[in-house]
Amino acid sequence: MKDEENGDNIEEEENGVKDVEEMEYGCGGIVRLVQVEDTNTPEIIRVLLETQTLAICLSCIDVGSEPAKKGAAFVVTQILLSKDGQQYIGMFPDQFYRVAVVLRKIVDRFEGKQPNSELLKPMLNCYMQLVEVSRLFSGCDALSVLRIRLRK
C-alpha cells in the first residue's frame, strides 16, 4: 500500500515495526526465563545457544526500544557469565565479533550525548564479560578476527 502524500510504502513500514515488536516480545520472554536462577540455569543457557537466541538479543540491542535493549543486554551478559556461553563465544570468532560490533554501535550512539545510565550499565556489563571471554580464550582466533574487522 502506498501513502499518496509522500509515496512511502506503508505496509513495509508497518511490517518492520511489527517485526521489531515481535522480536522485543520474544526477548522479554527470554529475559524472564533467564532471570530465574535455579539448578536448570546451565540447561537454559545451552538451549538459548542452540536456538540462536543470542542473535535475537543482539538484534534487540541494536534496534529495539530502550527497555528491550536493557533486557537483551541482561540476557547476553548471563550467557557470557555461563561456562557454555563463554566457550561458545570464545570458540566461534564470528559470534565474538557480532557481540563486539553490536556493543560498539550502541556506544557509538552515545557519542556527544549524555548516556542514559540505565542503558549504559547493561552495555558495560556485556563489554566486561566479553573482555573476560577474550582473556579466557586468548589463544583463539576471536581477538584477531575482531581486530582485523574493526580496522576495516
Protein backbone atom coordinates (compact mmCIF):
# COMPACT_ATOMS: atom_id res chain seq x y z
CA MET A 1 0.00 0.00 0.00
CA LYS A 2 1.36 3.44 -0.95
CA ASP A 3 0.98 6.64 1.03
CA GLU A 4 -0.32 9.08 -1.59
CA GLU A 5 1.27 12.17 0.00
CA ASN A 6 4.90 11.06 0.10
CA GLY A 7 4.94 7.80 -1.83
CA ASP A 8 6.17 5.71 1.11
CA ASN A 9 5.29 2.08 1.29
CA ILE A 10 3.16 1.97 4.46
CA GLU A 11 2.84 -1.82 4.50
CA GLU A 12 6.62 -2.34 4.57
CA GLU A 13 6.97 0.22 7.35
CA GLU A 14 4.20 -1.43 9.39
CA ASN A 15 5.77 -4.86 8.86
CA GLY A 16 9.14 -3.54 10.04
CA VAL A 17 7.57 -2.13 13.19
CA LYS A 18 5.64 -5.35 13.72
CA ASP A 19 8.84 -7.39 13.32
CA VAL A 20 10.62 -5.25 15.93
CA GLU A 21 7.65 -5.55 18.30
CA GLU A 22 7.60 -9.34 17.89
CA MET A 23 11.35 -9.51 18.45
CA GLU A 24 11.03 -7.37 21.59
CA TYR A 25 8.16 -9.52 22.86
CA GLY A 26 10.23 -12.68 22.36
CA CYS A 27 13.21 -11.09 24.02
CA GLY A 28 11.03 -10.17 27.01
CA GLY A 29 10.11 -13.82 27.47
CA ILE A 30 13.76 -14.82 27.28
CA VAL A 31 14.65 -12.21 29.93
CA ARG A 32 12.04 -13.66 32.30
CA LEU A 33 13.37 -17.16 31.68
CA VAL A 34 16.98 -16.18 32.38
CA GLN A 35 16.09 -14.12 35.47
CA VAL A 36 15.02 -17.26 37.32
CA GLU A 37 18.13 -18.67 38.92
CA ASP A 38 17.87 -22.33 39.72
CA THR A 39 19.59 -25.60 39.05
CA ASN A 40 18.29 -25.57 35.45
CA THR A 41 20.14 -22.37 34.51
CA PRO A 42 23.01 -24.17 32.68
CA GLU A 43 20.48 -26.15 30.64
CA ILE A 44 18.53 -22.97 29.87
CA ILE A 45 21.70 -21.27 28.61
CA ARG A 46 22.51 -24.30 26.42
CA VAL A 47 19.04 -24.20 24.89
CA LEU A 48 19.38 -20.47 24.28
CA LEU A 49 22.67 -21.03 22.49
CA GLU A 50 21.26 -23.91 20.42
CA THR A 51 18.25 -21.85 19.33
CA GLN A 52 20.17 -18.79 18.16
CA THR A 53 18.73 -16.64 20.94
CA LEU A 54 21.98 -14.69 21.02
CA ALA A 55 21.22 -13.36 17.53
CA ILE A 56 17.73 -12.25 18.63
CA CYS A 57 19.15 -10.49 21.68
CA LEU A 58 21.82 -8.75 19.61
CA SER A 59 19.11 -7.53 17.23
CA CYS A 60 17.12 -6.20 20.20
CA ILE A 61 20.21 -4.40 21.47
CA ASP A 62 20.75 -2.91 18.03
CA VAL A 63 17.23 -1.81 17.01
CA GLY A 64 14.91 -2.38 19.97
CA SER A 65 13.38 0.07 22.37
CA GLU A 66 15.35 1.09 25.43
CA PRO A 67 13.66 -1.48 27.73
CA ALA A 68 14.27 -4.20 25.12
CA LYS A 69 17.93 -3.17 24.82
CA LYS A 70 18.38 -3.39 28.60
CA GLY A 71 16.67 -6.78 28.77
CA ALA A 72 18.61 -8.16 25.83
CA ALA A 73 21.89 -6.91 27.31
CA PHE A 74 20.97 -8.70 30.54
CA VAL A 75 20.45 -11.96 28.63
CA VAL A 76 23.72 -11.57 26.72
CA THR A 77 25.53 -10.89 29.99
CA GLN A 78 24.01 -14.02 31.54
CA ILE A 79 25.11 -16.04 28.51
CA LEU A 80 28.63 -14.62 28.78
CA LEU A 81 28.73 -15.39 32.51
CA SER A 82 28.00 -19.07 31.90
CA LYS A 83 30.70 -21.58 31.09
CA ASP A 84 28.83 -22.78 27.99
CA GLY A 85 28.29 -19.21 26.80
CA GLN A 86 31.95 -18.36 27.28
CA GLN A 87 33.00 -21.42 25.31
CA TYR A 88 30.50 -20.65 22.56
CA ILE A 89 31.62 -17.02 22.16
CA GLY A 90 35.30 -17.86 22.61
CA MET A 91 35.38 -20.75 20.16
CA PHE A 92 33.39 -19.09 17.37
CA PRO A 93 35.13 -15.88 16.27
CA ASP A 94 32.13 -14.72 14.25
CA GLN A 95 29.94 -14.82 17.36
CA PHE A 96 32.54 -12.91 19.36
CA TYR A 97 32.73 -10.35 16.56
CA ARG A 98 28.93 -9.97 16.32
CA VAL A 99 28.63 -9.24 20.04
CA ALA A 100 31.52 -6.75 19.93
CA VAL A 101 30.17 -4.92 16.89
CA VAL A 102 26.65 -4.51 18.30
CA LEU A 103 28.02 -3.23 21.60
CA ARG A 104 30.31 -0.85 19.75
CA LYS A 105 27.36 0.51 17.75
CA ILE A 106 25.47 1.25 20.95
CA VAL A 107 28.45 3.02 22.49
CA ASP A 108 28.97 4.99 19.27
CA ARG A 109 25.36 6.21 19.51
CA PHE A 110 26.23 7.76 22.89
CA GLU A 111 28.88 9.96 21.27
CA GLY A 112 28.26 13.61 22.01
CA LYS A 113 25.27 12.78 24.23
CA GLN A 114 24.83 12.22 27.91
CA PRO A 115 24.40 8.42 28.07
CA ASN A 116 21.41 7.08 29.90
CA SER A 117 22.91 5.23 32.87
CA GLU A 118 20.02 2.75 32.83
CA LEU A 119 21.09 1.68 29.35
CA LEU A 120 24.83 2.21 29.73
CA LYS A 121 25.17 -0.10 32.74
CA PRO A 122 23.94 -3.30 31.00
CA MET A 123 26.07 -2.50 27.93
CA LEU A 124 29.16 -2.10 30.11
CA ASN A 125 28.35 -5.39 31.84
CA CYS A 126 28.28 -7.08 28.43
CA TYR A 127 31.57 -5.48 27.48
CA MET A 128 33.21 -6.57 30.74
CA GLN A 129 32.09 -10.15 30.20
CA LEU A 130 33.27 -10.05 26.58
CA VAL A 131 36.69 -8.89 27.78
CA GLU A 132 36.73 -11.78 30.25
CA VAL A 133 35.92 -14.23 27.46
CA SER A 134 38.76 -12.77 25.40
CA ARG A 135 41.13 -13.37 28.33
CA LEU A 136 39.95 -16.94 28.79
CA PHE A 137 40.35 -17.69 25.10
CA SER A 138 43.39 -15.56 24.31
CA GLY A 139 44.75 -18.34 22.12
CA CYS A 140 41.68 -18.43 19.91
CA ASP A 141 41.17 -16.51 16.70
CA ALA A 142 38.34 -14.39 18.06
CA LEU A 143 40.53 -11.45 19.05
CA SER A 144 42.49 -11.42 15.81
CA VAL A 145 39.26 -11.57 13.79
CA LEU A 146 37.85 -8.69 15.85
CA ARG A 147 40.97 -6.57 15.38
CA ILE A 148 41.03 -7.15 11.64
CA ARG A 149 37.33 -6.43 11.14
CA LEU A 150 37.25 -3.34 13.36
CA ARG A 151 40.10 -1.80 11.35
CA LYS A 152 38.09 -2.00 8.11
